[in-house]
N, C-alpha and C. Protein backbone atom coordinates (compact mmCIF):
# COMPACT_ATOMS: atom_id res chain seq x y z
N MET A 1 116.22 142.17 91.46
CA MET A 1 117.49 141.74 90.93
C MET A 1 117.42 141.60 89.41
N ASP A 2 116.43 142.15 88.78
CA ASP A 2 116.34 142.10 87.32
C ASP A 2 117.22 143.18 86.73
N THR A 3 118.38 142.78 86.27
CA THR A 3 119.33 143.71 85.68
C THR A 3 119.76 143.16 84.34
N THR A 4 119.96 144.02 83.38
CA THR A 4 120.42 143.61 82.06
C THR A 4 121.91 143.85 81.95
N PHE A 5 122.63 142.86 81.47
CA PHE A 5 124.06 142.97 81.23
C PHE A 5 124.33 142.71 79.76
N VAL A 6 125.33 143.36 79.21
CA VAL A 6 125.71 143.16 77.81
C VAL A 6 127.06 142.45 77.79
N ALA A 7 127.14 141.37 77.00
CA ALA A 7 128.39 140.63 76.85
C ALA A 7 128.60 140.36 75.36
N PRO A 8 129.38 141.20 74.69
CA PRO A 8 129.61 140.99 73.26
C PRO A 8 130.31 139.65 73.01
N MET A 9 129.89 138.98 71.93
CA MET A 9 130.50 137.71 71.58
C MET A 9 131.74 137.97 70.72
N GLY A 10 132.85 137.33 71.08
CA GLY A 10 134.08 137.47 70.33
C GLY A 10 134.06 136.63 69.06
N ASP A 11 135.12 136.77 68.26
CA ASP A 11 135.17 136.08 66.98
C ASP A 11 135.23 134.56 67.12
N ARG A 12 135.61 134.05 68.24
CA ARG A 12 135.66 132.60 68.47
C ARG A 12 134.47 132.11 69.30
N GLY A 13 133.45 132.94 69.44
CA GLY A 13 132.26 132.57 70.19
C GLY A 13 132.39 132.72 71.69
N ARG A 14 133.43 133.38 72.14
CA ARG A 14 133.64 133.55 73.57
C ARG A 14 132.88 134.75 74.11
N LEU A 15 132.36 134.57 75.31
CA LEU A 15 131.67 135.66 76.00
C LEU A 15 132.47 136.02 77.25
N VAL A 16 132.55 137.29 77.53
CA VAL A 16 133.14 137.74 78.79
C VAL A 16 131.98 138.18 79.67
N ILE A 17 131.80 137.46 80.77
CA ILE A 17 130.71 137.77 81.68
C ILE A 17 131.15 138.93 82.57
N PRO A 18 130.37 140.00 82.62
CA PRO A 18 130.76 141.18 83.40
C PRO A 18 131.06 140.83 84.86
N ALA A 19 132.08 141.49 85.41
CA ALA A 19 132.53 141.23 86.78
C ALA A 19 131.40 141.39 87.79
N GLU A 20 130.56 142.41 87.62
CA GLU A 20 129.46 142.63 88.57
C GLU A 20 128.53 141.42 88.61
N LEU A 21 128.21 140.87 87.44
CA LEU A 21 127.33 139.70 87.38
C LEU A 21 128.01 138.48 88.01
N ARG A 22 129.28 138.27 87.69
CA ARG A 22 130.02 137.14 88.28
C ARG A 22 130.03 137.25 89.80
N SER A 23 130.24 138.45 90.30
CA SER A 23 130.28 138.68 91.74
C SER A 23 128.92 138.42 92.37
N ARG A 24 127.87 138.94 91.77
CA ARG A 24 126.51 138.77 92.32
C ARG A 24 126.08 137.31 92.32
N GLN A 25 126.52 136.56 91.31
CA GLN A 25 126.15 135.15 91.20
C GLN A 25 127.13 134.22 91.91
N HIS A 26 128.20 134.78 92.45
CA HIS A 26 129.25 134.00 93.13
C HIS A 26 129.89 132.99 92.18
N TRP A 27 130.11 133.41 90.94
CA TRP A 27 130.76 132.57 89.94
C TRP A 27 132.26 132.86 89.97
N GLU A 28 133.02 131.88 90.38
CA GLU A 28 134.47 132.01 90.44
C GLU A 28 135.09 131.48 89.15
N GLN A 29 136.33 131.85 88.89
CA GLN A 29 137.03 131.39 87.70
C GLN A 29 137.07 129.86 87.70
N GLY A 30 136.75 129.28 86.56
CA GLY A 30 136.81 127.83 86.40
C GLY A 30 135.52 127.09 86.74
N VAL A 31 134.54 127.78 87.32
CA VAL A 31 133.27 127.11 87.66
C VAL A 31 132.54 126.76 86.36
N PRO A 32 132.10 125.48 86.22
CA PRO A 32 131.36 125.12 85.00
C PRO A 32 129.97 125.75 85.01
N LEU A 33 129.59 126.34 83.90
CA LEU A 33 128.27 126.94 83.75
C LEU A 33 127.48 126.15 82.72
N LEU A 34 126.20 125.95 82.99
CA LEU A 34 125.31 125.27 82.05
C LEU A 34 124.57 126.32 81.24
N MET A 35 124.45 126.08 79.95
CA MET A 35 123.64 126.92 79.08
C MET A 35 122.42 126.10 78.70
N ILE A 36 121.27 126.50 79.20
CA ILE A 36 120.03 125.77 78.96
C ILE A 36 119.21 126.56 77.96
N GLU A 37 119.00 125.95 76.78
CA GLU A 37 118.22 126.63 75.74
C GLU A 37 116.74 126.39 76.00
N THR A 38 115.97 127.47 76.03
CA THR A 38 114.52 127.40 76.23
C THR A 38 113.84 128.12 75.07
N VAL A 39 112.54 128.03 75.03
CA VAL A 39 111.78 128.74 74.01
C VAL A 39 112.01 130.24 74.12
N GLY A 40 112.17 130.73 75.34
CA GLY A 40 112.33 132.15 75.58
C GLY A 40 113.75 132.67 75.48
N GLY A 41 114.72 131.78 75.31
CA GLY A 41 116.12 132.21 75.24
C GLY A 41 117.03 131.21 75.92
N VAL A 42 118.15 131.69 76.41
CA VAL A 42 119.15 130.83 77.04
C VAL A 42 119.30 131.22 78.51
N ILE A 43 119.36 130.21 79.36
CA ILE A 43 119.57 130.42 80.79
C ILE A 43 120.99 129.99 81.11
N LEU A 44 121.73 130.81 81.82
CA LEU A 44 123.11 130.52 82.20
C LEU A 44 123.17 130.34 83.71
N VAL A 45 123.47 129.10 84.15
CA VAL A 45 123.46 128.78 85.58
C VAL A 45 124.56 127.78 85.91
N THR A 46 124.89 127.69 87.19
CA THR A 46 125.77 126.62 87.66
C THR A 46 124.93 125.36 87.84
N ARG A 47 125.58 124.24 88.05
CA ARG A 47 124.84 123.00 88.30
C ARG A 47 123.96 123.13 89.55
N GLU A 48 124.51 123.76 90.57
CA GLU A 48 123.75 123.91 91.81
C GLU A 48 122.52 124.78 91.60
N GLN A 49 122.67 125.85 90.82
CA GLN A 49 121.53 126.71 90.52
C GLN A 49 120.49 125.96 89.69
N ALA A 50 120.94 125.12 88.76
CA ALA A 50 120.01 124.33 87.95
C ALA A 50 119.23 123.35 88.82
N LYS A 51 119.93 122.70 89.75
CA LYS A 51 119.26 121.77 90.67
C LYS A 51 118.20 122.50 91.50
N ALA A 52 118.55 123.66 92.01
CA ALA A 52 117.60 124.44 92.81
C ALA A 52 116.39 124.85 91.99
N LEU A 53 116.62 125.20 90.72
CA LEU A 53 115.53 125.58 89.84
C LEU A 53 114.58 124.41 89.61
N VAL A 54 115.13 123.24 89.35
CA VAL A 54 114.30 122.04 89.14
C VAL A 54 113.54 121.70 90.41
N ARG A 55 114.23 121.75 91.54
CA ARG A 55 113.55 121.45 92.82
C ARG A 55 112.38 122.39 93.07
N SER A 56 112.57 123.67 92.78
CA SER A 56 111.49 124.63 93.02
C SER A 56 110.31 124.38 92.09
N GLN A 57 110.60 123.92 90.86
CA GLN A 57 109.52 123.64 89.92
C GLN A 57 108.76 122.37 90.28
N LEU A 58 109.45 121.43 90.94
CA LEU A 58 108.81 120.16 91.32
C LEU A 58 108.22 120.18 92.72
N GLU A 59 108.45 121.25 93.45
CA GLU A 59 107.99 121.34 94.83
C GLU A 59 106.48 121.14 94.90
N GLY A 60 106.07 120.26 95.80
CA GLY A 60 104.65 120.01 96.00
C GLY A 60 104.07 118.98 95.04
N LYS A 61 104.89 118.46 94.12
CA LYS A 61 104.40 117.46 93.17
C LYS A 61 104.91 116.09 93.59
N ASP A 62 104.06 115.10 93.48
CA ASP A 62 104.46 113.74 93.79
C ASP A 62 104.94 113.09 92.50
N VAL A 63 106.23 113.26 92.22
CA VAL A 63 106.81 112.80 90.97
C VAL A 63 106.73 111.28 90.85
N LEU A 64 107.03 110.58 91.93
CA LEU A 64 107.00 109.12 91.90
C LEU A 64 105.59 108.61 91.60
N LYS A 65 104.60 109.20 92.24
CA LYS A 65 103.21 108.79 92.01
C LYS A 65 102.81 109.02 90.56
N SER A 66 103.20 110.15 89.99
CA SER A 66 102.90 110.45 88.59
C SER A 66 103.59 109.47 87.66
N LEU A 67 104.86 109.15 87.94
CA LEU A 67 105.61 108.22 87.10
C LEU A 67 104.98 106.83 87.14
N LEU A 68 104.62 106.37 88.33
CA LEU A 68 103.98 105.05 88.44
C LEU A 68 102.65 105.02 87.71
N ALA A 69 101.87 106.07 87.79
CA ALA A 69 100.59 106.13 87.09
C ALA A 69 100.80 106.06 85.58
N GLU A 70 101.82 106.78 85.08
CA GLU A 70 102.12 106.74 83.64
C GLU A 70 102.54 105.34 83.21
N ARG A 71 103.37 104.69 84.01
CA ARG A 71 103.84 103.34 83.69
C ARG A 71 102.69 102.34 83.70
N ARG A 72 101.80 102.47 84.67
CA ARG A 72 100.64 101.57 84.73
C ARG A 72 99.74 101.77 83.52
N ALA A 73 99.53 103.02 83.13
CA ALA A 73 98.69 103.31 81.96
C ALA A 73 99.33 102.74 80.70
N ALA A 74 100.64 102.87 80.56
CA ALA A 74 101.33 102.33 79.39
C ALA A 74 101.24 100.81 79.37
N ALA A 75 101.40 100.18 80.53
CA ALA A 75 101.30 98.72 80.61
C ALA A 75 99.90 98.25 80.26
N SER A 76 98.88 98.97 80.72
CA SER A 76 97.49 98.63 80.41
C SER A 76 97.24 98.73 78.91
N SER A 77 97.78 99.76 78.28
CA SER A 77 97.62 99.94 76.83
C SER A 77 98.28 98.81 76.07
N GLU A 78 99.46 98.41 76.52
CA GLU A 78 100.17 97.30 75.87
C GLU A 78 99.41 96.00 76.04
N ASP A 79 98.85 95.77 77.24
CA ASP A 79 98.09 94.55 77.49
C ASP A 79 96.83 94.51 76.63
N ALA A 80 96.17 95.64 76.48
CA ALA A 80 94.94 95.72 75.69
C ALA A 80 95.23 95.49 74.21
N ALA A 81 96.39 95.94 73.75
CA ALA A 81 96.75 95.79 72.34
C ALA A 81 97.17 94.36 72.01
N ALA A 82 97.59 93.60 73.01
CA ALA A 82 98.09 92.23 72.78
C ALA A 82 97.00 91.22 72.66
């Protein structure tokens, strides 16, 4: 599904997303799209697609355990400094 599409930017910064891409992504008129700026460029997704992307990146990771460990380490550092 790696396809390149060209969308010229208009004078007011507007982009027209090609119909084929809108159809393939199931983007209907009025659907809010997120533009996520990354080091490699910009990602254009719906909120649902962004959620799925985050979930796939966090899959298999114990986020709560990591967060608690970070908080405990920070608290220990603060206690040691006091």
